[in-house]
Amino acid sequence: MSRSLYKGPYVDAKLLKKIAGKKAGEGDVIKTWARNSVISPEMVGFTFGVHNGRDHLDVLVAEEMVGHKLGEFSPTKKFHRHGGKMQKELEQKKKEAEITAAKAAKAA
């Protein structure tokens, strides 16, 4: 459910205070835990370190991100992979095929 229109988008006040005196594109990362904060046009060009529960992931805010939340660009779950022994064997065969193709191309 979205936030009511008369309230406007939620932007963390501390986050706005951190970017107030800075210019976009400077090298420093602004650390934040406010994953629910909506990206506003003033944030474009800044790099935010968005906390994902374990560490801060760097998010460079682009113009297309305006209106989305910061947490959408910092995933909290890590995908390992599907499959077990069979999948590992298939990946090993694929890797060997790439190596042989590279050697053949090098020899030619």
PDB file of N, CA and C in Angstrom:
ATOM      1  N   MET A   1       0.839  -1.170   0.000  1.00  0.00           N
ATOM      2  CA  MET A   1       0.000   0.000   0.000  1.00  0.00           C
ATOM      3  C   MET A   1       0.891   1.243   0.000  1.00  0.00           C
ATOM      4  N   SER A   2       0.546   2.197  -0.864  1.00  0.00           N
ATOM      5  CA  SER A   2       1.380   3.387  -0.979  1.00  0.00           C
ATOM      6  C   SER A   2       1.017   4.421   0.085  1.00  0.00           C
ATOM      7  N   ARG A   3       1.893   5.367   0.252  1.00  0.00           N
ATOM      8  CA  ARG A   3       1.692   6.437   1.218  1.00  0.00           C
ATOM      9  C   ARG A   3       0.666   7.425   0.655  1.00  0.00           C
ATOM     10  N   SER A   4      -0.116   8.038   1.520  1.00  0.00           N
ATOM     11  CA  SER A   4      -1.157   8.957   1.057  1.00  0.00           C
ATOM     12  C   SER A   4      -0.532  10.180   0.380  1.00  0.00           C
ATOM     13  N   LEU A   5      -1.238  10.721  -0.591  1.00  0.00           N
ATOM     14  CA  LEU A   5      -0.695  11.806  -1.400  1.00  0.00           C
ATOM     15  C   LEU A   5      -0.495  13.099  -0.620  1.00  0.00           C
ATOM     16  N   TYR A   6      -1.362  13.385   0.334  1.00  0.00           N
ATOM     17  CA  TYR A   6      -1.220  14.650   1.040  1.00  0.00           C
ATOM     18  C   TYR A   6       0.004  14.664   1.957  1.00  0.00           C
ATOM     19  N   LYS A   7       0.500  13.510   2.358  1.00  0.00           N
ATOM     20  CA  LYS A   7       1.709  13.451   3.180  1.00  0.00           C
ATOM     21  C   LYS A   7       2.960  13.600   2.322  1.00  0.00           C
ATOM     22  N   GLY A   8       2.926  13.127   1.107  1.00  0.00           N
ATOM     23  CA  GLY A   8       4.095  13.186   0.236  1.00  0.00           C
ATOM     24  C   GLY A   8       5.021  12.016   0.482  1.00  0.00           C
ATOM     25  N   PRO A   9       6.085  11.876  -0.323  1.00  0.00           N
ATOM     26  CA  PRO A   9       7.012  10.758  -0.158  1.00  0.00           C
ATOM     27  C   PRO A   9       7.836  10.893   1.114  1.00  0.00           C
ATOM     28  N   TYR A  10       8.197   9.748   1.719  1.00  0.00           N
ATOM     29  CA  TYR A  10       9.022   9.761   2.924  1.00  0.00           C
ATOM     30  C   TYR A  10      10.483   9.849   2.528  1.00  0.00           C
ATOM     31  N   VAL A  11      11.133  10.906   2.944  1.00  0.00           N
ATOM     32  CA  VAL A  11      12.577  11.063   2.765  1.00  0.00           C
ATOM     33  C   VAL A  11      13.148  11.340   4.141  1.00  0.00           C
ATOM     34  N   ASP A  12      14.132  10.544   4.532  1.00  0.00           N
ATOM     35  CA  ASP A  12      14.725  10.680   5.858  1.00  0.00           C
ATOM     36  C   ASP A  12      15.366  12.056   6.001  1.00  0.00           C
ATOM     37  N   ALA A  13      15.012  12.769   7.056  1.00  0.00           N
ATOM     38  CA  ALA A  13      15.510  14.128   7.283  1.00  0.00           C
ATOM     39  C   ALA A  13      17.027  14.144   7.485  1.00  0.00           C
ATOM     40  N   LYS A  14      17.559  13.136   8.183  1.00  0.00           N
ATOM     41  CA  LYS A  14      19.008  13.074   8.411  1.00  0.00           C
ATOM     42  C   LYS A  14      19.758  12.887   7.100  1.00  0.00           C
ATOM     43  N   LEU A  15      19.142  12.145   6.180  1.00  0.00           N
ATOM     44  CA  LEU A  15      19.760  11.899   4.885  1.00  0.00           C
ATOM     45  C   LEU A  15      19.832  13.194   4.071  1.00  0.00           C
ATOM     46  N   LEU A  16      18.765  13.967   4.108  1.00  0.00           N
ATOM     47  CA  LEU A  16      18.774  15.253   3.411  1.00  0.00           C
ATOM     48  C   LEU A  16      19.787  16.208   4.024  1.00  0.00           C
ATOM     49  N   LYS A  17      19.957  16.140   5.333  1.00  0.00           N
ATOM     50  CA  LYS A  17      20.916  16.997   6.024  1.00  0.00           C
ATOM     51  C   LYS A  17      22.349  16.634   5.616  1.00  0.00           C
ATOM     52  N   LYS A  18      22.597  15.334   5.396  1.00  0.00           N
ATOM     53  CA  LYS A  18      23.943  14.879   5.020  1.00  0.00           C
ATOM     54  C   LYS A  18      24.331  15.347   3.622  1.00  0.00           C
ATOM     55  N   ILE A  19      23.350  15.452   2.710  1.00  0.00           N
ATOM     56  CA  ILE A  19      23.675  15.847   1.335  1.00  0.00           C
ATOM     57  C   ILE A  19      23.512  17.344   1.105  1.00  0.00           C
ATOM     58  N   ALA A  20      23.072  18.077   2.115  1.00  0.00           N
ATOM     59  CA  ALA A  20      22.766  19.507   1.948  1.00  0.00           C
ATOM     60  C   ALA A  20      23.979  20.318   1.512  1.00  0.00           C
ATOM     61  N   GLY A  21      25.115  20.145   2.122  1.00  0.00           N
ATOM     62  CA  GLY A  21      26.276  20.984   1.821  1.00  0.00           C
ATOM     63  C   GLY A  21      27.237  20.400   0.818  1.00  0.00           C
ATOM     64  N   LYS A  22      26.905  19.308   0.200  1.00  0.00           N
ATOM     65  CA  LYS A  22      27.835  18.626  -0.693  1.00  0.00           C
ATOM     66  C   LYS A  22      27.406  18.757  -2.145  1.00  0.00           C
ATOM     67  N   LYS A  23      28.347  18.516  -3.040  1.00  0.00           N
ATOM     68  CA  LYS A  23      28.063  18.509  -4.473  1.00  0.00           C
ATOM     69  C   LYS A  23      27.973  17.065  -4.958  1.00  0.00           C
ATOM     70  N   ALA A  24      27.127  16.843  -5.937  1.00  0.00           N
ATOM     71  CA  ALA A  24      26.970  15.496  -6.500  1.00  0.00           C
ATOM     72  C   ALA A  24      28.248  15.088  -7.219  1.00  0.00           C
ATOM     73  N   GLY A  25      28.595  13.821  -7.122  1.00  0.00           N
ATOM     74  CA  GLY A  25      29.763  13.294  -7.810  1.00  0.00           C
ATOM     75  C   GLY A  25      31.033  13.301  -6.987  1.00  0.00           C
ATOM     76  N   GLU A  26      30.996  13.829  -5.780  1.00  0.00           N
ATOM     77  CA  GLU A  26      32.185  13.774  -4.937  1.00  0.00           C
ATOM     78  C   GLU A  26      32.435  12.340  -4.505  1.00  0.00           C
ATOM     79  N   GLY A  27      33.670  12.004  -4.182  1.00  0.00           N
ATOM     80  CA  GLY A  27      34.079  10.629  -3.966  1.00  0.00           C
ATOM     81  C   GLY A  27      33.576   9.947  -2.710  1.00  0.00           C
ATOM     82  N   ASP A  28      33.108  10.692  -1.722  1.00  0.00           N
ATOM     83  CA  ASP A  28      32.756  10.046  -0.464  1.00  0.00           C
ATOM     84  C   ASP A  28      31.396   9.351  -0.527  1.00  0.00           C
ATOM     85  N   VAL A  29      31.287   8.273   0.243  1.00  0.00           N
ATOM     86  CA  VAL A  29      30.059   7.487   0.309  1.00  0.00           C
ATOM     87  C   VAL A  29      29.285   7.916   1.549  1.00  0.00           C
ATOM     88  N   ILE A  30      27.988   8.146   1.390  1.00  0.00           N
ATOM     89  CA  ILE A  30      27.131   8.546   2.501  1.00  0.00           C
ATOM     90  C   ILE A  30      26.458   7.301   3.042  1.00  0.00           C
ATOM     91  N   LYS A  31      26.848   6.880   4.248  1.00  0.00           N
ATOM     92  CA  LYS A  31      26.277   5.672   4.842  1.00  0.00           C
ATOM     93  C   LYS A  31      24.890   5.949   5.389  1.00  0.00           C
ATOM     94  N   THR A  32      23.971   4.988   5.183  1.00  0.00           N
ATOM     95  CA  THR A  32      22.616   5.151   5.691  1.00  0.00           C
ATOM     96  C   THR A  32      22.000   3.800   6.014  1.00  0.00           C
ATOM     97  N   TRP A  33      21.116   3.828   6.983  1.00  0.00           N
ATOM     98  CA  TRP A  33      20.329   2.654   7.342  1.00  0.00           C
ATOM     99  C   TRP A  33      18.880   2.849   6.927  1.00  0.00           C
ATOM    100  N   ALA A  34      18.568   3.992   6.320  1.00  0.00           N
ATOM    101  CA  ALA A  34      17.196   4.340   5.942  1.00  0.00           C
ATOM    102  C   ALA A  34      16.847   3.716   4.595  1.00  0.00           C
ATOM    103  N   ARG A  35      16.564   2.422   4.602  1.00  0.00           N
ATOM    104  CA  ARG A  35      16.210   1.704   3.378  1.00  0.00           C
ATOM    105  C   ARG A  35      14.839   2.122   2.857  1.00  0.00           C
ATOM    106  N   ASN A  36      13.972   2.606   3.740  1.00  0.00           N
ATOM    107  CA  ASN A  36      12.620   2.958   3.338  1.00  0.00           C
ATOM    108  C   ASN A  36      12.511   4.386   2.819  1.00  0.00           C
ATOM    109  N   SER A  37      13.602   5.093   2.735  1.00  0.00           N
ATOM    110  CA  SER A  37      13.597   6.464   2.246  1.00  0.00           C
ATOM    111  C   SER A  37      13.467   6.478   0.725  1.00  0.00           C
ATOM    112  N   VAL A  38      12.577   7.338   0.227  1.00  0.00           N
ATOM    113  CA  VAL A  38      12.354   7.459  -1.213  1.00  0.00           C
ATOM    114  C   VAL A  38      13.458   8.328  -1.807  1.00  0.00           C
ATOM    115  N   ILE A  39      13.922   7.965  -3.001  1.00  0.00           N
ATOM    116  CA  ILE A  39      14.965   8.726  -3.674  1.00  0.00           C
ATOM    117  C   ILE A  39      14.340   9.966  -4.293  1.00  0.00           C
ATOM    118  N   SER A  40      14.851  11.133  -3.931  1.00  0.00           N
ATOM    119  CA  SER A  40      14.342  12.397  -4.451  1.00  0.00           C
ATOM    120  C   SER A  40      15.316  12.937  -5.505  1.00  0.00           C
ATOM    121  N   PRO A  41      14.884  13.899  -6.305  1.00  0.00           N
ATOM    122  CA  PRO A  41      15.771  14.445  -7.348  1.00  0.00           C
ATOM    123  C   PRO A  41      17.049  15.087  -6.812  1.00  0.00           C
ATOM    124  N   GLU A  42      17.043  15.548  -5.548  1.00  0.00           N
ATOM    125  CA  GLU A  42      18.260  16.146  -4.986  1.00  0.00           C
ATOM    126  C   GLU A  42      19.356  15.108  -4.767  1.00  0.00           C
ATOM    127  N   MET A  43      19.004  13.837  -4.716  1.00  0.00           N
ATOM    128  CA  MET A  43      19.966  12.771  -4.420  1.00  0.00           C
ATOM    129  C   MET A  43      20.695  12.260  -5.653  1.00  0.00           C
ATOM    130  N   VAL A  44      20.305  12.685  -6.839  1.00  0.00           N
ATOM    131  CA  VAL A  44      20.905  12.184  -8.080  1.00  0.00           C
ATOM    132  C   VAL A  44      22.382  12.566  -8.131  1.00  0.00           C
ATOM    133  N   GLY A  45      23.220  11.577  -8.406  1.00  0.00           N
ATOM    134  CA  GLY A  45      24.662  11.793  -8.511  1.00  0.00           C
ATOM    135  C   GLY A  45      25.437  11.422  -7.261  1.00  0.00           C
ATOM    136  N   PHE A  46      24.756  11.259  -6.138  1.00  0.00           N
ATOM    137  CA  PHE A  46      25.423  10.880  -4.895  1.00  0.00           C
ATOM    138  C   PHE A  46      25.554   9.366  -4.790  1.00  0.00           C
ATOM    139  N   THR A  47      26.543   8.913  -4.048  1.00  0.00           N
ATOM    140  CA  THR A  47      26.720   7.492  -3.773  1.00  0.00           C
ATOM    141  C   THR A  47      26.359   7.242  -2.320  1.00  0.00           C
ATOM    142  N   PHE A  48      25.405   6.339  -2.114  1.00  0.00           N
ATOM    143  CA  PHE A  48      24.947   6.007  -0.771  1.00  0.00           C
ATOM    144  C   PHE A  48      25.400   4.603  -0.420  1.00  0.00           C
ATOM    145  N   GLY A  49      25.823   4.421   0.820  1.00  0.00           N
ATOM    146  CA  GLY A  49      26.130   3.097   1.344  1.00  0.00           C
ATOM    147  C   GLY A  49      24.892   2.606   2.073  1.00  0.00           C
ATOM    148  N   VAL A  50      24.056   1.811   1.398  1.00  0.00           N
ATOM    149  CA  VAL A  50      22.785   1.366   1.959  1.00  0.00           C
ATOM    150  C   VAL A  50      23.005   0.061   2.704  1.00  0.00           C
ATOM    151  N   HIS A  51      22.592   0.015   3.947  1.00  0.00           N
ATOM    152  CA  HIS A  51      22.795  -1.158   4.798  1.00  0.00           C
ATOM    153  C   HIS A  51      21.841  -2.269   4.390  1.00  0.00           C
ATOM    154  N   ASN A  52      22.361  -3.494   4.248  1.00  0.00           N
ATOM    155  CA  ASN A  52      21.508  -4.614   3.863  1.00  0.00           C
ATOM    156  C   ASN A  52      21.336  -5.618   4.997  1.00  0.00           C
ATOM    157  N   GLY A  53      21.693  -5.246   6.204  1.00  0.00           N
ATOM    158  CA  GLY A  53      21.581  -6.131   7.344  1.00  0.00           C
ATOM    159  C   GLY A  53      22.921  -6.684   7.772  1.00  0.00           C
ATOM    160  N   ARG A  54      23.879  -6.644   6.876  1.00  0.00           N
ATOM    161  CA  ARG A  54      25.207  -7.157   7.176  1.00  0.00           C
ATOM    162  C   ARG A  54      26.287  -6.100   6.953  1.00  0.00           C
ATOM    163  N   ASP A  55      26.243  -5.458   5.790  1.00  0.00           N
ATOM    164  CA  ASP A  55      27.207  -4.409   5.493  1.00  0.00           C
ATOM    165  C   ASP A  55      26.551  -3.374   4.578  1.00  0.00           C
ATOM    166  N   HIS A  56      27.309  -2.357   4.230  1.00  0.00           N
ATOM    167  CA  HIS A  56      26.781  -1.284   3.395  1.00  0.00           C
ATOM    168  C   HIS A  56      27.163  -1.541   1.944  1.00  0.00           C
ATOM    169  N   LEU A  57      26.162  -1.562   1.063  1.00  0.00           N
ATOM    170  CA  LEU A  57      26.402  -1.719  -0.367  1.00  0.00           C
ATOM    171  C   LEU A  57      26.317  -0.359  -1.032  1.00  0.00           C
ATOM    172  N   ASP A  58      27.279  -0.061  -1.892  1.00  0.00           N
ATOM    173  CA  ASP A  58      27.309   1.231  -2.563  1.00  0.00           C
ATOM    174  C   ASP A  58      26.243   1.294  -3.651  1.00  0.00           C
ATOM    175  N   VAL A  59      25.466   2.372  -3.632  1.00  0.00           N
ATOM    176  CA  VAL A  59      24.420   2.604  -4.617  1.00  0.00           C
ATOM    177  C   VAL A  59      24.638   3.997  -5.191  1.00  0.00           C
ATOM    178  N   LEU A  60      24.966   4.068  -6.484  1.00  0.00           N
ATOM    179  CA  LEU A  60      25.108   5.344  -7.173  1.00  0.00           C
ATOM    180  C   LEU A  60      23.740   5.713  -7.721  1.00  0.00           C
ATOM    181  N   VAL A  61      23.176   6.809  -7.258  1.00  0.00           N
ATOM    182  CA  VAL A  61      21.817   7.194  -7.623  1.00  0.00           C
ATOM    183  C   VAL A  61      21.814   7.845  -8.998  1.00  0.00           C
ATOM    184  N   ALA A  62      21.015   7.259  -9.904  1.00  0.00           N
ATOM    185  CA  ALA A  62      20.843   7.791 -11.252  1.00  0.00           C
ATOM    186  C   ALA A  62      19.453   8.420 -11.362  1.00  0.00           C
ATOM    187  N   GLU A  63      19.218   9.093 -12.462  1.00  0.00           N
ATOM    188  CA  GLU A  63      17.944   9.794 -12.647  1.00  0.00           C
ATOM    189  C   GLU A  63      16.757   8.843 -12.740  1.00  0.00           C
ATOM    190  N   GLU A  64      16.973   7.628 -13.240  1.00  0.00           N
ATOM    191  CA  GLU A  64      15.896   6.650 -13.378  1.00  0.00           C
ATOM    192  C   GLU A  64      15.421   6.104 -12.034  1.00  0.00           C
ATOM    193  N   MET A  65      16.212   6.289 -10.986  1.00  0.00           N
ATOM    194  CA  MET A  65      15.888   5.751  -9.663  1.00  0.00           C
ATOM    195  C   MET A  65      14.958   6.648  -8.859  1.00  0.00           C
ATOM    196  N   VAL A  66      14.709   7.865  -9.314  1.00  0.00           N
ATOM    197  CA  VAL A  66      13.880   8.810  -8.563  1.00  0.00           C
ATOM    198  C   VAL A  66      12.477   8.236  -8.404  1.00  0.00           C
ATOM    199  N   GLY A  67      11.977   8.237  -7.173  1.00  0.00           N
ATOM    200  CA  GLY A  67      10.655   7.684  -6.876  1.00  0.00           C
ATOM    201  C   GLY A  67      10.719   6.299  -6.276  1.00  0.00           C
ATOM    202  N   HIS A  68      11.851   5.610  -6.441  1.00  0.00           N
ATOM    203  CA  HIS A  68      12.039   4.286  -5.843  1.00  0.00           C
ATOM    204  C   HIS A  68      12.628   4.454  -4.449  1.00  0.00           C
ATOM    205  N   LYS A  69      12.676   3.367  -3.703  1.00  0.00           N
ATOM    206  CA  LYS A  69      13.257   3.416  -2.360  1.00  0.00           C
ATOM    207  C   LYS A  69      14.702   2.930  -2.400  1.00  0.00           C
ATOM    208  N   LEU A  70      15.513   3.395  -1.463  1.00  0.00           N
ATOM    209  CA  LEU A  70      16.929   3.022  -1.425  1.00  0.00           C
ATOM    210  C   LEU A  70      17.111   1.523  -1.222  1.00  0.00           C
ATOM    211  N   GLY A  71      16.239   0.896  -0.437  1.00  0.00           N
ATOM    212  CA  GLY A  71      16.358  -0.522  -0.151  1.00  0.00           C
ATOM    213  C   GLY A  71      16.170  -1.418  -1.356  1.00  0.00           C
ATOM    214  N   GLU A  72      15.546  -0.922  -2.413  1.00  0.00           N
ATOM    215  CA  GLU A  72      15.343  -1.725  -3.618  1.00  0.00           C
ATOM    216  C   GLU A  72      16.655  -2.025  -4.326  1.00  0.00           C
ATOM    217  N   PHE A  73      17.678  -1.228  -4.090  1.00  0.00           N
ATOM    218  CA  PHE A  73      18.948  -1.378  -4.789  1.00  0.00           C
ATOM    219  C   PHE A  73      20.032  -1.987  -3.905  1.00  0.00           C
ATOM    220  N   SER A  74      19.633  -2.492  -2.742  1.00  0.00           N
ATOM    221  CA  SER A  74      20.563  -3.146  -1.826  1.00  0.00           C
ATOM    222  C   SER A  74      19.934  -4.463  -1.372  1.00  0.00           C
ATOM    223  N   PRO A  75      20.137  -5.545  -2.137  1.00  0.00           N
ATOM    224  CA  PRO A  75      19.475  -6.814  -1.796  1.00  0.00           C
ATOM    225  C   PRO A  75      19.938  -7.377  -0.456  1.00  0.00           C
ATOM    226  N   THR A  76      18.983  -7.955   0.282  1.00  0.00           N
ATOM    227  CA  THR A  76      19.288  -8.483   1.609  1.00  0.00           C
ATOM    228  C   THR A  76      19.594  -9.974   1.578  1.00  0.00           C
ATOM    229  N   LYS A  77      19.200 -10.650   0.520  1.00  0.00           N
ATOM    230  CA  LYS A  77      19.436 -12.089   0.417  1.00  0.00           C
ATOM    231  C   LYS A  77      20.400 -12.376  -0.721  1.00  0.00           C
ATOM    232  N   LYS A  78      21.277 -13.336  -0.492  1.00  0.00           N
ATOM    233  CA  LYS A  78      22.276 -13.694  -1.484  1.00  0.00           C
ATOM    234  C   LYS A  78      21.876 -15.013  -2.148  1.00  0.00           C
ATOM    235  N   PHE A  79      21.794 -15.008  -3.476  1.00  0.00           N
ATOM    236  CA  PHE A  79      21.460 -16.222  -4.205  1.00  0.00           C
ATOM    237  C   PHE A  79      22.719 -17.049  -4.391  1.00  0.00           C
ATOM    238  N   HIS A  80      22.702 -18.292  -3.909  1.00  0.00           N
ATOM    239  CA  HIS A  80      23.874 -19.158  -4.052  1.00  0.00           C
ATOM    240  C   HIS A  80      23.832 -19.847  -5.409  1.00  0.00           C
ATOM    241  N   ARG A  81      22.983 -20.817  -5.598  1.00  0.00           N
ATOM    242  CA  ARG A  81      22.712 -21.440  -6.885  1.00  0.00           C
ATOM    243  C   ARG A  81      21.831 -22.648  -6.668  1.00  0.00           C
ATOM    244  N   HIS A  82      21.173 -23.066  -7.726  1.00  0.00           N
ATOM    245  CA  HIS A  82      20.340 -24.247  -7.659  1.00  0.00           C
ATOM    246  C   HIS A  82      21.183 -25.479  -7.962  1.00  0.00           C
ATOM    247  N   GLY A  83      20.638 -26.635  -7.640  1.00  0.00           N
ATOM    248  CA  GLY A  83      21.295 -27.886  -7.993  1.00  0.00           C
ATOM    249  C   GLY A  83      22.290 -28.347  -6.957  1.00  0.00           C
ATOM    250  N   GLY A  84      22.763 -29.533  -7.137  1.00  0.00           N
ATOM    251  CA  GLY A  84      23.731 -30.092  -6.215  1.00  0.00           C
ATOM    252  C   GLY A  84      24.881 -30.685  -6.993  1.00  0.00           C
ATOM    253  N   LYS A  85      25.049 -31.999  -6.882  1.00  0.00           N
ATOM    254  CA  LYS A  85      26.166 -32.689  -7.508  1.00  0.00           C
ATOM    255  C   LYS A  85      26.057 -32.651  -9.042  1.00  0.00           C
ATOM    256  N   MET A  86      24.856 -32.851  -9.547  1.00  0.00           N
ATOM    257  CA  MET A  86      24.674 -32.843 -11.006  1.00  0.00           C
ATOM    258  C   MET A  86      24.989 -31.469 -11.589  1.00  0.00           C
ATOM    259  N   GLN A  87      24.542 -30.443 -10.940  1.00  0.00           N
ATOM    260  CA  GLN A  87      24.793 -29.083 -11.425  1.00  0.00           C
ATOM    261  C   GLN A  87      26.287 -28.775 -11.396  1.00  0.00           C
ATOM    262  N   LYS A  88      26.978 -29.243 -10.383  1.00  0.00           N
ATOM    263  CA  LYS A  88      28.415 -29.012 -10.274  1.00  0.00           C
ATOM    264  C   LYS A  88      29.156 -29.708 -11.417  1.00  0.00           C
ATOM    265  N   GLU A  89      28.725 -30.920 -11.761  1.00  0.00           N
ATOM    266  CA  GLU A  89      29.353 -31.645 -12.869  1.00  0.00           C
ATOM    267  C   GLU A  89      29.123 -30.929 -14.192  1.00  0.00           C
ATOM    268  N   LEU A  90      27.919 -30.415 -14.406  1.00  0.00           N
ATOM    269  CA  LEU A  90      27.623 -29.689 -15.643  1.00  0.00           C
ATOM    270  C   LEU A  90      28.473 -28.422 -15.756  1.00  0.00           C
ATOM    271  N   GLU A  91      28.636 -27.721 -14.654  1.00  0.00           N
ATOM    272  CA  GLU A  91      29.460 -26.521 -14.666  1.00  0.00           C
ATOM    273  C   GLU A  91      30.922 -26.862 -14.934  1.00  0.00           C
ATOM    274  N   GLN A  92      31.396 -27.975 -14.400  1.00  0.00           N
ATOM    275  CA  GLN A  92      32.778 -28.405 -14.613  1.00  0.00           C
ATOM    276  C   GLN A  92      33.005 -28.736 -16.091  1.00  0.00           C
ATOM    277  N   LYS A  93      32.046 -29.432 -16.708  1.00  0.00           N
ATOM    278  CA  LYS A  93      32.164 -29.765 -18.137  1.00  0.00           C
ATOM    279  C   LYS A  93      32.159 -28.497 -18.981  1.00  0.00           C
ATOM    280  N   LYS A  94      31.319 -27.555 -18.634  1.00  0.00           N
ATOM    281  CA  LYS A  94      31.252 -26.298 -19.380  1.00  0.00           C
ATOM    282  C   LYS A  94      32.565 -25.536 -19.273  1.00  0.00           C
ATOM    283  N   LYS A  95      33.164 -25.545 -18.089  1.00  0.00           N
ATOM    284  CA  LYS A  95      34.428 -24.862 -17.867  1.00  0.00           C
ATOM    285  C   LYS A  95      35.545 -25.507 -18.690  1.00  0.00           C
ATOM    286  N   GLU A  96      35.551 -26.846 -18.715  1.00  0.00           N
ATOM    287  CA  GLU A  96      36.560 -27.566 -19.499  1.00  0.00           C
ATOM    288  C   GLU A  96      36.407 -27.278 -20.986  1.00  0.00           C
ATOM    289  N   ALA A  97      35.170 -27.193 -21.464  1.00  0.00           N
ATOM    290  CA  ALA A  97      34.920 -26.899 -22.875  1.00  0.00           C
ATOM    291  C   ALA A  97      35.423 -25.497 -23.232  1.00  0.00           C
ATOM    292  N   GLU A  98      35.238 -24.539 -22.337  1.00  0.00           N
ATOM    293  CA  GLU A  98      35.737 -23.187 -22.580  1.00  0.00           C
ATOM    294  C   GLU A  98      37.265 -23.168 -22.633  1.00  0.00           C
ATOM    295  N   ILE A  99      37.911 -23.935 -21.765  1.00  0.00           N
ATOM    296  CA  ILE A  99      39.368 -23.988 -21.739  1.00  0.00           C
ATOM    297  C   ILE A  99      39.909 -24.585 -23.033  1.00  0.00           C
ATOM    298  N   THR A 100      39.306 -25.693 -23.474  1.00  0.00           N
ATOM    299  CA  THR A 100      39.769 -26.327 -24.720  1.00  0.00           C
ATOM    300  C   THR A 100      39.524 -25.409 -25.914  1.00  0.00           C
ATOM    301  N   ALA A 101      38.410 -24.692 -25.945  1.00  0.00           N
ATOM    302  CA  ALA A 101      38.128 -23.749 -27.037  1.00  0.00           C
ATOM    303  C   ALA A 101      39.160 -22.623 -27.037  1.00  0.00           C
ATOM    304  N   ALA A 102      39.527 -22.145 -25.882  1.00  0.00           N
ATOM    305  CA  ALA A 102      40.518 -21.081 -25.783  1.00  0.00           C
ATOM    306  C   ALA A 102      41.891 -21.550 -26.253  1.00  0.00           C
ATOM    307  N   LYS A 103      42.249 -22.795 -25.898  1.00  0.00           N
ATOM    308  CA  LYS A 103      43.538 -23.352 -26.343  1.00  0.00           C
ATOM    309  C   LYS A 103      43.542 -23.543 -27.844  1.00  0.00           C
ATOM    310  N   ALA A 104      42.417 -23.993 -28.415  1.00  0.00           N
ATOM    311  CA  ALA A 104      42.339 -24.187 -29.846  1.00  0.00           C
ATOM    312  C   ALA A 104      42.433 -22.856 -30.594  1.00  0.00           C
ATOM    313  N   ALA A 105      41.823 -21.851 -30.066  1.00  0.00           N
ATOM    314  CA  ALA A 105      41.881 -20.530 -30.696  1.00  0.00           C
ATOM    315  C   ALA A 105      43.286 -19.938 -30.603  1.00  0.00           C
ATOM    316  N   LYS A 106      43.974 -20.231 -29.515  1.00  0.00           N
ATOM    317  CA  LYS A 106      45.328 -19.740 -29.321  1.00  0.00           C
ATOM    318  C   LYS A 106      46.306 -20.426 -30.288  1.00  0.00           C
ATOM    319  N   ALA A 107      46.067 -21.723 -30.512  1.00  0.00           N
ATOM    320  CA  ALA A 107      46.941 -22.488 -31.396  1.00  0.00           C
ATOM    321  C   ALA A 107      46.765 -22.085 -32.853  1.00  0.00           C
ATOM    322  N   ALA A 108      45.588 -21.654 -33.212  1.00  0.00           N
ATOM    323  CA  ALA A 108      45.312 -21.297 -34.630  1.00  0.00           C
ATOM    324  C   ALA A 108      45.821 -19.945 -35.013  1.00  0.00           C
TER     325      ALA A 108
END
